[in-house]
């Protein structure tokens, strides 16, 4: 299924975290925190000013990002868990 976010929203796939610590301990699934790092899958056309002028998004599909712990709305598309969030919820990009 193809999904395109509207306005200034982005579709994000979380990047999975490691299953072990630096010391070699295995972290059980129940103790893992959801990662706050992801990859942008799709981007909306951007927000609009009151005058109707389009403000282009500053991120694009493929960008690696950091976002807040409680940011976005979780959805499932084609059996994959993804997040929809506003561009303003993105803390920054990772190069």
N, C-alpha and C. Protein backbone atom coordinates (compact mmCIF):
# COMPACT_ATOMS: atom_id res chain seq x y z
N UNK A 1 0.85 -1.17 0.00
CA UNK A 1 0.00 0.00 0.00
C UNK A 1 0.90 1.24 0.00
N UNK A 2 0.61 2.16 -0.87
CA UNK A 2 1.35 3.42 -0.92
C UNK A 2 0.70 4.41 0.04
N UNK A 3 1.52 5.11 0.80
CA UNK A 3 1.03 6.09 1.76
C UNK A 3 1.86 7.35 1.62
N UNK A 4 1.20 8.48 1.47
CA UNK A 4 1.87 9.78 1.40
C UNK A 4 1.32 10.67 2.50
N UNK A 5 2.17 11.14 3.41
CA UNK A 5 1.70 12.03 4.47
C UNK A 5 1.25 13.37 3.89
N UNK A 6 0.36 14.03 4.60
CA UNK A 6 -0.12 15.33 4.17
C UNK A 6 0.62 16.45 4.91
N UNK A 7 0.64 17.62 4.28
CA UNK A 7 1.16 18.85 4.87
C UNK A 7 2.60 18.69 5.36
N UNK A 8 2.86 18.99 6.65
CA UNK A 8 4.23 18.94 7.17
C UNK A 8 4.50 17.68 7.98
N UNK A 9 3.85 16.58 7.61
CA UNK A 9 4.05 15.32 8.31
C UNK A 9 5.03 14.44 7.55
N UNK A 10 5.68 13.52 8.29
CA UNK A 10 6.62 12.58 7.69
C UNK A 10 6.30 11.17 8.18
N UNK A 11 6.62 10.20 7.35
CA UNK A 11 6.46 8.78 7.69
C UNK A 11 7.84 8.24 8.02
N UNK A 12 8.00 7.64 9.22
CA UNK A 12 9.31 7.24 9.72
C UNK A 12 9.32 5.76 10.09
N UNK A 13 10.42 5.08 9.73
CA UNK A 13 10.67 3.71 10.17
C UNK A 13 11.72 3.78 11.27
N UNK A 14 11.40 3.20 12.43
CA UNK A 14 12.37 3.19 13.53
C UNK A 14 13.58 2.34 13.16
N UNK A 15 14.76 2.76 13.62
CA UNK A 15 15.98 1.98 13.45
C UNK A 15 16.11 1.12 14.69
N UNK A 16 16.26 -0.18 14.49
CA UNK A 16 16.33 -1.11 15.61
C UNK A 16 17.61 -0.91 16.41
N UNK A 17 17.50 -1.04 17.72
CA UNK A 17 18.66 -0.90 18.60
C UNK A 17 19.34 -2.25 18.79
N UNK A 18 20.54 -2.22 19.34
CA UNK A 18 21.31 -3.44 19.58
C UNK A 18 20.62 -4.30 20.63
N UNK A 19 20.82 -5.62 20.52
CA UNK A 19 20.26 -6.56 21.49
C UNK A 19 21.20 -6.81 22.66
N UNK A 20 22.44 -6.29 22.57
CA UNK A 20 23.40 -6.50 23.64
C UNK A 20 24.02 -5.16 24.05
N UNK A 21 24.49 -5.12 25.28
CA UNK A 21 25.18 -3.92 25.77
C UNK A 21 26.64 -3.98 25.35
N UNK A 22 27.39 -2.91 25.61
CA UNK A 22 28.82 -2.90 25.28
C UNK A 22 29.57 -3.97 26.06
N UNK A 23 29.07 -4.32 27.25
CA UNK A 23 29.70 -5.35 28.08
C UNK A 23 29.33 -6.76 27.69
N UNK A 24 28.41 -6.92 26.73
CA UNK A 24 28.04 -8.25 26.25
C UNK A 24 26.76 -8.81 26.84
N UNK A 25 26.07 -8.03 27.69
CA UNK A 25 24.82 -8.52 28.27
C UNK A 25 23.70 -8.44 27.25
N UNK A 26 22.88 -9.47 27.20
CA UNK A 26 21.74 -9.50 26.27
C UNK A 26 20.56 -8.80 26.92
N UNK A 27 19.96 -7.87 26.17
CA UNK A 27 18.81 -7.11 26.68
C UNK A 27 17.54 -7.82 26.24
N UNK A 28 16.69 -8.25 27.19
CA UNK A 28 15.44 -8.90 26.79
C UNK A 28 14.48 -7.91 26.13
N UNK A 29 13.61 -8.41 25.29
CA UNK A 29 12.66 -7.57 24.54
C UNK A 29 11.82 -6.70 25.46
N UNK A 30 11.44 -7.24 26.63
CA UNK A 30 10.58 -6.48 27.54
C UNK A 30 11.30 -5.30 28.20
N UNK A 31 12.62 -5.33 28.23
CA UNK A 31 13.38 -4.26 28.87
C UNK A 31 13.88 -3.20 27.89
N UNK A 32 13.71 -3.45 26.62
CA UNK A 32 14.19 -2.51 25.61
C UNK A 32 13.31 -1.27 25.55
N UNK A 33 13.95 -0.14 25.36
CA UNK A 33 13.20 1.09 25.08
C UNK A 33 13.08 1.23 23.58
N UNK A 34 11.99 1.82 23.13
CA UNK A 34 11.85 2.04 21.71
C UNK A 34 12.87 3.08 21.27
N UNK A 35 13.56 2.83 20.17
CA UNK A 35 14.58 3.78 19.75
C UNK A 35 13.98 5.09 19.29
N UNK A 36 14.74 6.17 19.50
CA UNK A 36 14.31 7.50 19.08
C UNK A 36 15.09 7.92 17.84
N UNK A 37 15.47 6.92 17.06
CA UNK A 37 16.21 7.15 15.83
C UNK A 37 15.46 6.45 14.71
N UNK A 38 15.41 7.08 13.54
CA UNK A 38 14.69 6.45 12.45
C UNK A 38 15.13 6.95 11.09
N UNK A 39 14.48 6.38 10.08
CA UNK A 39 14.74 6.77 8.70
C UNK A 39 13.43 7.25 8.09
N UNK A 40 13.49 8.36 7.41
CA UNK A 40 12.29 8.92 6.79
C UNK A 40 11.95 8.12 5.54
N UNK A 41 10.71 7.66 5.47
CA UNK A 41 10.23 6.89 4.33
C UNK A 41 9.56 7.80 3.31
N UNK A 42 8.74 8.73 3.80
CA UNK A 42 7.98 9.60 2.92
C UNK A 42 7.74 10.94 3.60
N UNK A 43 7.64 12.00 2.80
CA UNK A 43 7.47 13.36 3.33
C UNK A 43 6.29 14.02 2.63
N UNK A 44 5.50 14.78 3.39
CA UNK A 44 4.40 15.55 2.81
C UNK A 44 4.92 16.73 2.02
N UNK A 45 4.01 17.45 1.39
CA UNK A 45 4.41 18.57 0.52
C UNK A 45 4.91 19.78 1.30
N UNK A 46 4.60 19.87 2.58
CA UNK A 46 5.05 20.98 3.41
C UNK A 46 3.89 21.76 4.00
N UNK A 47 4.21 22.63 4.93
CA UNK A 47 3.20 23.47 5.59
C UNK A 47 2.89 24.67 4.69
N UNK A 48 1.83 25.36 5.02
CA UNK A 48 1.45 26.57 4.27
C UNK A 48 1.38 27.75 5.22
N UNK A 49 1.87 28.89 4.74
CA UNK A 49 1.73 30.14 5.48
C UNK A 49 0.29 30.61 5.37
N UNK A 50 -0.08 31.61 6.16
CA UNK A 50 -1.43 32.16 6.10
C UNK A 50 -1.75 32.70 4.72
N UNK A 51 -0.72 33.14 4.01
CA UNK A 51 -0.92 33.68 2.66
C UNK A 51 -1.13 32.57 1.63
N UNK A 52 -0.94 31.31 2.03
CA UNK A 52 -1.10 30.19 1.11
C UNK A 52 0.21 29.72 0.50
N UNK A 53 1.29 30.46 0.76
CA UNK A 53 2.60 30.08 0.22
C UNK A 53 3.10 28.80 0.89
N UNK A 54 3.64 27.90 0.09
CA UNK A 54 4.12 26.61 0.57
C UNK A 54 5.50 26.75 1.22
N UNK A 55 5.67 26.15 2.39
CA UNK A 55 6.97 26.09 3.07
C UNK A 55 7.49 24.67 2.87
N UNK A 56 8.51 24.52 2.04
CA UNK A 56 9.04 23.20 1.73
C UNK A 56 9.66 22.55 2.97
N UNK A 57 9.50 21.22 3.12
CA UNK A 57 10.10 20.54 4.26
C UNK A 57 11.63 20.57 4.18
N UNK A 58 12.29 20.55 5.34
CA UNK A 58 13.75 20.59 5.36
C UNK A 58 14.36 19.20 5.41
N UNK A 59 13.53 18.16 5.43
CA UNK A 59 14.00 16.77 5.39
C UNK A 59 13.45 16.10 4.14
N UNK A 60 14.07 14.96 3.79
CA UNK A 60 13.63 14.23 2.60
C UNK A 60 13.66 12.73 2.89
N UNK A 61 13.03 11.96 2.04
CA UNK A 61 13.04 10.51 2.19
C UNK A 61 14.48 10.02 2.17
N UNK A 62 14.78 9.10 3.08
CA UNK A 62 16.12 8.54 3.18
C UNK A 62 16.95 9.16 4.28
N UNK A 63 16.56 10.34 4.80
CA UNK A 63 17.31 10.99 5.88
C UNK A 63 17.20 10.18 7.16
N UNK A 64 18.31 10.10 7.91
CA UNK A 64 18.32 9.48 9.24
C UNK A 64 18.07 10.61 10.24
N UNK A 65 17.15 10.37 11.18
CA UNK A 65 16.74 11.43 12.10
C UNK A 65 16.72 10.97 13.55
N UNK A 66 16.72 11.93 14.45
CA UNK A 66 16.45 11.72 15.87
C UNK A 66 15.16 12.43 16.19
N UNK A 67 14.34 11.80 17.03
CA UNK A 67 13.06 12.41 17.41
C UNK A 67 12.80 12.16 18.88
N UNK A 68 11.86 12.90 19.44
CA UNK A 68 11.53 12.77 20.86
C UNK A 68 10.95 11.41 21.19
N UNK A 69 11.12 10.99 22.43
CA UNK A 69 10.68 9.67 22.89
C UNK A 69 9.18 9.43 22.67
N UNK A 70 8.38 10.45 22.85
CA UNK A 70 6.92 10.29 22.73
C UNK A 70 6.37 10.91 21.46
N UNK A 71 7.21 11.16 20.48
CA UNK A 71 6.78 11.81 19.24
C UNK A 71 6.04 10.84 18.32
N UNK A 72 5.11 11.38 17.58
CA UNK A 72 4.46 10.64 16.51
C UNK A 72 3.33 9.74 16.93
N UNK A 73 2.66 9.22 15.90
CA UNK A 73 1.56 8.29 16.06
C UNK A 73 1.96 6.98 15.40
N UNK A 74 1.89 5.88 16.16
CA UNK A 74 2.27 4.58 15.62
C UNK A 74 1.16 4.04 14.73
N UNK A 75 1.55 3.54 13.56
CA UNK A 75 0.61 2.89 12.64
C UNK A 75 1.25 1.62 12.11
N UNK A 76 0.44 0.75 11.53
CA UNK A 76 0.94 -0.46 10.89
C UNK A 76 0.50 -0.44 9.43
N UNK A 77 1.48 -0.46 8.53
CA UNK A 77 1.22 -0.51 7.09
C UNK A 77 1.89 -1.75 6.52
N UNK A 78 1.13 -2.59 5.86
CA UNK A 78 1.65 -3.82 5.27
C UNK A 78 2.43 -4.65 6.28
N UNK A 79 1.96 -4.70 7.52
CA UNK A 79 2.59 -5.50 8.57
C UNK A 79 3.82 -4.87 9.20
N UNK A 80 4.18 -3.67 8.81
CA UNK A 80 5.35 -2.99 9.36
C UNK A 80 4.91 -1.83 10.25
N UNK A 81 5.52 -1.74 11.44
CA UNK A 81 5.18 -0.66 12.36
C UNK A 81 5.96 0.59 11.98
N UNK A 82 5.25 1.69 11.74
CA UNK A 82 5.83 2.95 11.33
C UNK A 82 5.29 4.07 12.21
N UNK A 83 5.86 5.26 12.09
CA UNK A 83 5.42 6.44 12.82
C UNK A 83 5.06 7.54 11.84
N UNK A 84 4.00 8.27 12.16
CA UNK A 84 3.68 9.49 11.44
C UNK A 84 3.88 10.62 12.44
N UNK A 85 4.69 11.61 12.06
CA UNK A 85 4.93 12.73 12.96
C UNK A 85 5.06 14.02 12.18
N UNK A 86 4.88 15.12 12.89
CA UNK A 86 5.08 16.43 12.27
C UNK A 86 6.58 16.68 12.14
N UNK A 87 6.93 17.46 11.15
CA UNK A 87 8.35 17.78 10.95
C UNK A 87 8.93 18.48 12.17
N UNK A 88 8.12 19.24 12.89
CA UNK A 88 8.60 19.95 14.08
C UNK A 88 8.95 18.99 15.23
N UNK A 89 8.50 17.72 15.19
CA UNK A 89 8.85 16.75 16.21
C UNK A 89 10.26 16.18 16.01
N UNK A 90 10.84 16.43 14.85
CA UNK A 90 12.18 15.93 14.54
C UNK A 90 13.20 16.83 15.22
N UNK A 91 14.10 16.21 15.98
CA UNK A 91 15.12 16.96 16.72
C UNK A 91 16.31 17.32 15.83
N UNK A 92 16.63 16.46 14.87
CA UNK A 92 17.76 16.72 14.00
C UNK A 92 18.02 15.56 13.08
N UNK A 93 18.94 15.75 12.14
CA UNK A 93 19.32 14.70 11.21
C UNK A 93 20.69 14.16 11.59
N UNK A 94 20.94 12.92 11.20
CA UNK A 94 22.22 12.26 11.47
C UNK A 94 22.93 12.06 10.14
N UNK A 95 24.20 12.49 10.06
CA UNK A 95 24.93 12.32 8.80
C UNK A 95 25.72 11.03 8.81
